[in-house]
């Protein structure tokens, strides 16, 4: 274990809404204790940011990855991780994923693109990614995950869900809700049945479901390449109510709405 590891600056941590504790793994245990230790051999981190998952993996005692690739559209975050974390372990590599995002990568033209790798990974993680991916792009990226996932690999991702049946005014082709007109990627909430069908369509089976710790917040799903296993049931969301607001988009800042001082 490398100790101490540099901590990303607060402005980069604030961009992903995490404090220092969310970037740390002081006990050195497995980041996801329901994922087998062997699955940490080759890790693909979709939406790596400034190294939240990477720092925790570097602190794992029993299962330090032999190969880690993190990609993110926020170039400043990737540059920091490359300069401060990669030199401590050359098995960890970070790449800028140059797709359009109004807040973090506004000059890019492409709304989606293939992952920059043909490797197969034993663990793919998309933490707080599909909570910001537009409906037009979500099926594409699930197929990309399936493409780079090893036959015995695991895919961990987080999502916001709602039940479309409670919104009778929605059209058949509308399956997502957005909270921010200025930047729809600020938070994207998917109809649960729609998302489950997308997993199946990509050749992925959801094998474990962890409900949110706050009512309506992020569900954590674990999936594998379809191998005949039954799809996991979704328990009811009985978590307590609370607040977990995403960082405000740059458009709201320009409009004069400022985020609270932490």
Protein backbone atom coordinates (compact mmCIF):
# COMPACT_ATOMS: atom_id res chain seq x y z
CA UNK A 1 0.00 0.00 0.00
CA UNK A 2 1.24 3.48 -0.90
CA UNK A 3 1.05 5.83 2.07
CA UNK A 4 0.43 8.68 2.07
CA UNK A 5 -1.32 9.26 -1.26
CA UNK A 6 -1.89 12.83 -2.45
CA UNK A 7 -5.45 14.06 -2.06
CA UNK A 8 -7.06 15.85 -5.03
CA UNK A 9 -7.61 19.58 -4.53
CA UNK A 10 -10.98 20.62 -3.20
CA UNK A 11 -12.16 22.17 -6.47
CA UNK A 12 -11.79 18.82 -8.24
CA UNK A 13 -13.40 16.89 -5.39
CA UNK A 14 -16.25 19.38 -5.32
CA UNK A 15 -16.91 18.73 -9.03
CA UNK A 16 -17.91 15.15 -8.17
CA UNK A 17 -19.54 16.03 -4.88
CA UNK A 18 -17.20 14.06 -2.64
CA UNK A 19 -15.34 14.93 0.55
CA UNK A 20 -11.99 13.41 1.53
CA UNK A 21 -13.54 10.36 3.18
CA UNK A 22 -15.06 9.32 -0.15
CA UNK A 23 -11.58 9.17 -1.68
CA UNK A 24 -10.00 7.13 1.09
CA UNK A 25 -9.71 3.47 2.05
CA UNK A 26 -7.81 3.59 5.34
CA UNK A 27 -8.61 -0.01 6.29
CA UNK A 28 -7.19 -1.36 3.04
CA UNK A 29 -10.16 -3.65 2.42
CA UNK A 30 -11.91 -4.38 -0.86
CA UNK A 31 -13.67 -1.32 -2.22
CA UNK A 32 -16.71 -3.47 -3.01
CA UNK A 33 -16.79 -6.28 -0.51
CA UNK A 34 -19.37 -8.24 -2.53
CA UNK A 35 -16.99 -8.49 -5.52
CA UNK A 36 -14.53 -11.44 -5.43
CA UNK A 37 -10.92 -10.52 -4.79
CA UNK A 38 -9.78 -12.03 -8.12
CA UNK A 39 -11.99 -9.58 -10.04
CA UNK A 40 -9.76 -6.66 -9.03
CA UNK A 41 -6.96 -7.84 -11.32
CA UNK A 42 -7.89 -5.58 -14.29
CA UNK A 43 -10.11 -2.59 -13.53
CA UNK A 44 -11.83 -0.23 -15.97
CA UNK A 45 -13.10 2.96 -14.34
CA UNK A 46 -15.66 4.75 -16.53
CA UNK A 47 -15.88 8.29 -15.15
CA UNK A 48 -12.72 8.13 -13.04
CA UNK A 49 -12.68 11.86 -12.25
CA UNK A 50 -9.65 12.90 -10.22
CA UNK A 51 -9.08 9.40 -8.85
CA UNK A 52 -11.70 8.66 -6.22
CA UNK A 53 -11.82 4.93 -6.99
CA UNK A 54 -8.16 4.78 -8.01
CA UNK A 55 -6.99 6.07 -4.61
CA UNK A 56 -9.10 3.49 -2.83
CA UNK A 57 -7.77 0.70 -5.05
CA UNK A 58 -4.19 1.80 -4.44
CA UNK A 59 -4.84 1.37 -0.71
CA UNK A 60 -6.24 -2.17 -1.03
CA UNK A 61 -3.93 -4.60 0.75
CA UNK A 62 -5.10 -7.91 -0.67
CA UNK A 63 -6.05 -7.06 -4.24
CA UNK A 64 -3.95 -4.28 -5.77
CA UNK A 65 -4.91 -4.19 -9.49
CA UNK A 66 -2.26 -5.26 -11.99
CA UNK A 67 -3.98 -3.06 -14.56
CA UNK A 68 -6.19 -0.01 -14.08
CA UNK A 69 -7.54 2.27 -16.80
CA UNK A 70 -9.62 5.29 -15.86
CA UNK A 71 -11.31 7.56 -18.40
CA UNK A 72 -13.18 10.80 -17.85
CA UNK A 73 -14.38 13.77 -19.90
CA UNK A 74 -13.14 16.27 -17.28
CA UNK A 75 -9.62 16.92 -18.51
CA UNK A 76 -8.41 18.86 -15.47
CA UNK A 77 -9.36 15.92 -13.23
CA UNK A 78 -7.63 13.39 -15.50
CA UNK A 79 -4.52 15.56 -15.73
CA UNK A 80 -4.30 15.77 -11.94
CA UNK A 81 -4.67 12.00 -11.52
CA UNK A 82 -2.08 11.32 -14.22
CA UNK A 83 0.42 13.70 -12.65
CA UNK A 84 -0.12 12.72 -9.02
CA UNK A 85 -1.29 9.09 -8.90
CA UNK A 86 0.19 7.34 -11.94
CA UNK A 87 3.81 8.04 -10.88
CA UNK A 88 3.13 6.12 -7.65
CA UNK A 89 2.01 3.01 -9.54
CA UNK A 90 2.58 2.68 -13.28
CA UNK A 91 -0.16 0.05 -13.46
CA UNK A 92 -2.63 2.92 -13.04
CA UNK A 93 -3.33 4.95 -16.19
CA UNK A 94 -5.78 7.79 -16.79
CA UNK A 95 -7.05 9.06 -20.17
CA UNK A 96 -9.14 12.03 -21.20
CA UNK A 97 -12.38 10.79 -22.81
CA UNK A 98 -13.15 13.60 -25.24
CA UNK A 99 -16.95 13.65 -25.46
CA UNK A 100 -19.25 16.61 -25.08
CA UNK A 101 -20.49 17.72 -21.68
CA UNK A 102 -21.83 21.20 -21.16
CA UNK A 103 -20.27 21.62 -17.75
CA UNK A 104 -16.93 19.77 -17.93
CA UNK A 105 -16.07 19.43 -21.63
CA UNK A 106 -18.13 22.00 -23.59
CA UNK A 107 -15.80 22.33 -26.61
CA UNK A 108 -15.97 18.64 -27.62
CA UNK A 109 -18.28 17.88 -30.52
CA UNK A 110 -19.04 14.17 -30.15
CA UNK A 111 -21.89 13.21 -27.78
CA UNK A 112 -20.61 9.62 -27.55
CA UNK A 113 -17.64 7.54 -28.63
CA UNK A 114 -16.26 4.03 -28.18
CA UNK A 115 -14.05 3.34 -25.20
CA UNK A 116 -10.36 3.75 -26.12
CA UNK A 117 -9.48 0.11 -25.49
CA UNK A 118 -10.04 -3.37 -26.81
CA UNK A 119 -8.85 -5.05 -23.62
CA UNK A 120 -11.02 -7.23 -21.45
CA UNK A 121 -11.40 -6.16 -17.83
CA UNK A 122 -12.33 -8.28 -14.83
CA UNK A 123 -14.05 -5.35 -13.14
CA UNK A 124 -15.74 -2.36 -14.76
CA UNK A 125 -17.05 0.46 -12.58
CA UNK A 126 -19.32 3.38 -13.48
CA UNK A 127 -19.90 5.21 -10.23
CA UNK A 128 -22.13 8.28 -10.63
CA UNK A 129 -21.91 8.04 -14.42
CA UNK A 130 -25.25 6.77 -15.68
CA UNK A 131 -26.85 9.26 -13.28
CA UNK A 132 -25.54 11.88 -15.76
CA UNK A 133 -25.84 10.09 -19.13
CA UNK A 134 -28.66 11.23 -21.42
CA UNK A 135 -31.25 8.77 -22.66
CA UNK A 136 -29.92 9.02 -26.22
CA UNK A 137 -26.54 7.67 -25.10
CA UNK A 138 -27.26 5.17 -22.32
CA UNK A 139 -27.79 2.06 -24.50
CA UNK A 140 -24.56 2.76 -26.41
CA UNK A 141 -22.45 2.88 -23.25
CA UNK A 142 -23.99 -0.26 -21.77
CA UNK A 143 -23.02 -2.07 -24.97
CA UNK A 144 -19.51 -0.66 -24.64
CA UNK A 145 -19.29 -2.01 -21.10
CA UNK A 146 -20.33 -5.45 -22.34
CA UNK A 147 -17.71 -5.23 -25.09
CA UNK A 148 -14.78 -4.67 -22.72
CA UNK A 149 -15.96 -6.93 -19.88
CA UNK A 150 -14.19 -10.26 -19.41
CA UNK A 151 -16.34 -13.39 -19.53
CA UNK A 152 -15.90 -13.81 -15.77
CA UNK A 153 -15.96 -10.06 -15.09
CA UNK A 154 -18.23 -7.88 -12.97
CA UNK A 155 -19.81 -4.53 -13.72
CA UNK A 156 -20.74 -2.17 -10.86
CA UNK A 157 -22.76 0.96 -11.59
CA UNK A 158 -25.04 3.44 -9.83
CA UNK A 159 -28.39 4.78 -11.06
CA UNK A 160 -31.34 6.99 -10.19
CA UNK A 161 -34.66 5.24 -10.81
CA UNK A 162 -38.36 6.11 -10.97
CA UNK A 163 -41.51 4.24 -11.98
CA UNK A 164 -42.87 5.59 -15.26
CA UNK A 165 -46.30 4.21 -14.46
CA UNK A 166 -46.65 7.08 -11.97
CA UNK A 167 -46.22 9.62 -14.79
CA UNK A 168 -49.12 9.00 -17.21
CA UNK A 169 -48.31 12.13 -19.20
CA UNK A 170 -45.01 10.65 -20.49
CA UNK A 171 -44.76 9.50 -24.09
CA UNK A 172 -43.80 5.91 -24.92
CA UNK A 173 -40.36 7.05 -26.14
CA UNK A 174 -39.66 9.12 -23.01
CA UNK A 175 -37.95 7.12 -20.26
CA UNK A 176 -35.86 9.64 -18.33
CA UNK A 177 -36.47 12.62 -16.07
CA UNK A 178 -34.13 15.60 -15.76
CA UNK A 179 -33.83 18.14 -12.95
CA UNK A 180 -31.91 20.91 -14.72
CA UNK A 181 -33.13 22.61 -17.90
CA UNK A 182 -29.81 24.42 -18.31
CA UNK A 183 -27.79 21.18 -18.19
CA UNK A 184 -29.86 17.97 -18.40
CA UNK A 185 -26.79 15.87 -17.51
CA UNK A 186 -26.79 17.41 -14.01
CA UNK A 187 -28.90 14.43 -12.90
CA UNK A 188 -30.73 11.84 -15.02
CA UNK A 189 -33.39 9.55 -13.52
CA UNK A 190 -34.36 6.44 -15.49
CA UNK A 191 -37.51 4.38 -15.54
CA UNK A 192 -36.57 1.15 -13.81
CA UNK A 193 -38.15 -1.21 -16.34
CA UNK A 194 -36.52 0.69 -19.21
CA UNK A 195 -33.07 0.40 -17.60
CA UNK A 196 -33.51 -3.30 -16.89
CA UNK A 197 -34.42 -3.89 -20.53
CA UNK A 198 -31.30 -1.99 -21.64
CA UNK A 199 -29.11 -4.25 -19.52
CA UNK A 200 -30.68 -7.31 -21.12
CA UNK A 201 -30.32 -5.82 -24.58
CA UNK A 202 -26.60 -5.26 -23.98
CA UNK A 203 -26.15 -8.90 -22.94
CA UNK A 204 -25.80 -8.07 -19.24
CA UNK A 205 -27.59 -9.65 -16.29
CA UNK A 206 -28.11 -7.74 -13.04
CA UNK A 207 -27.19 -10.20 -10.29
CA UNK A 208 -27.22 -7.94 -7.22
CA UNK A 209 -29.14 -4.81 -6.26
CA UNK A 210 -28.27 -2.57 -3.32
CA UNK A 211 -30.95 0.05 -2.57
CA UNK A 212 -30.06 3.67 -1.86
CA UNK A 213 -29.11 4.95 1.57
CA UNK A 214 -31.34 8.02 0.98
CA UNK A 215 -34.85 7.70 -0.49
CA UNK A 216 -34.65 8.14 -4.27
CA UNK A 217 -30.85 8.39 -4.40
CA UNK A 218 -28.34 6.06 -6.08
CA UNK A 219 -29.05 2.36 -6.50
CA UNK A 220 -25.92 0.20 -6.82
CA UNK A 221 -26.20 -2.57 -9.40
CA UNK A 222 -23.80 -5.45 -10.05
CA UNK A 223 -24.04 -7.18 -13.42
CA UNK A 224 -22.23 -9.87 -15.39
CA UNK A 225 -22.28 -10.99 -18.99
CA UNK A 226 -25.42 -13.05 -19.48
CA UNK A 227 -24.66 -16.64 -18.48
CA UNK A 228 -28.06 -18.08 -17.57
CA UNK A 229 -28.22 -16.65 -14.08
CA UNK A 230 -31.53 -15.22 -12.93
CA UNK A 231 -31.91 -11.46 -12.76
CA UNK A 232 -31.94 -10.02 -9.25
CA UNK A 233 -35.12 -8.62 -7.78
CA UNK A 234 -35.33 -4.97 -6.81
CA UNK A 235 -36.32 -4.42 -3.18
CA UNK A 236 -38.54 -1.49 -2.21
CA UNK A 237 -36.86 1.81 -1.48
CA UNK A 238 -37.49 2.29 2.24
CA UNK A 239 -34.47 4.50 2.97
CA UNK A 240 -34.94 7.66 5.04
CA UNK A 241 -35.49 10.97 3.28
CA UNK A 242 -32.54 13.33 2.96
CA UNK A 243 -30.61 15.63 0.63
CA UNK A 244 -27.75 14.79 -1.75
CA UNK A 245 -27.81 17.59 -4.31
CA UNK A 246 -25.41 17.43 -7.26
CA UNK A 247 -22.96 20.30 -7.87
CA UNK A 248 -24.59 23.18 -9.73
CA UNK A 249 -23.82 23.42 -13.43
CA UNK A 250 -21.77 26.24 -14.89
CA UNK A 251 -24.89 27.61 -16.60
CA UNK A 252 -26.56 28.21 -13.26
CA UNK A 253 -23.40 29.92 -12.04
CA UNK A 254 -23.56 32.24 -15.05
CA UNK A 255 -27.20 32.96 -14.25
CA UNK A 256 -26.13 34.25 -10.86
CA UNK A 257 -27.21 31.24 -8.78
CA UNK A 258 -24.30 30.35 -6.55
CA UNK A 259 -23.71 27.09 -4.71
CA UNK A 260 -23.58 27.25 -0.92
CA UNK A 261 -20.20 27.61 0.70
CA UNK A 262 -19.22 24.20 2.18
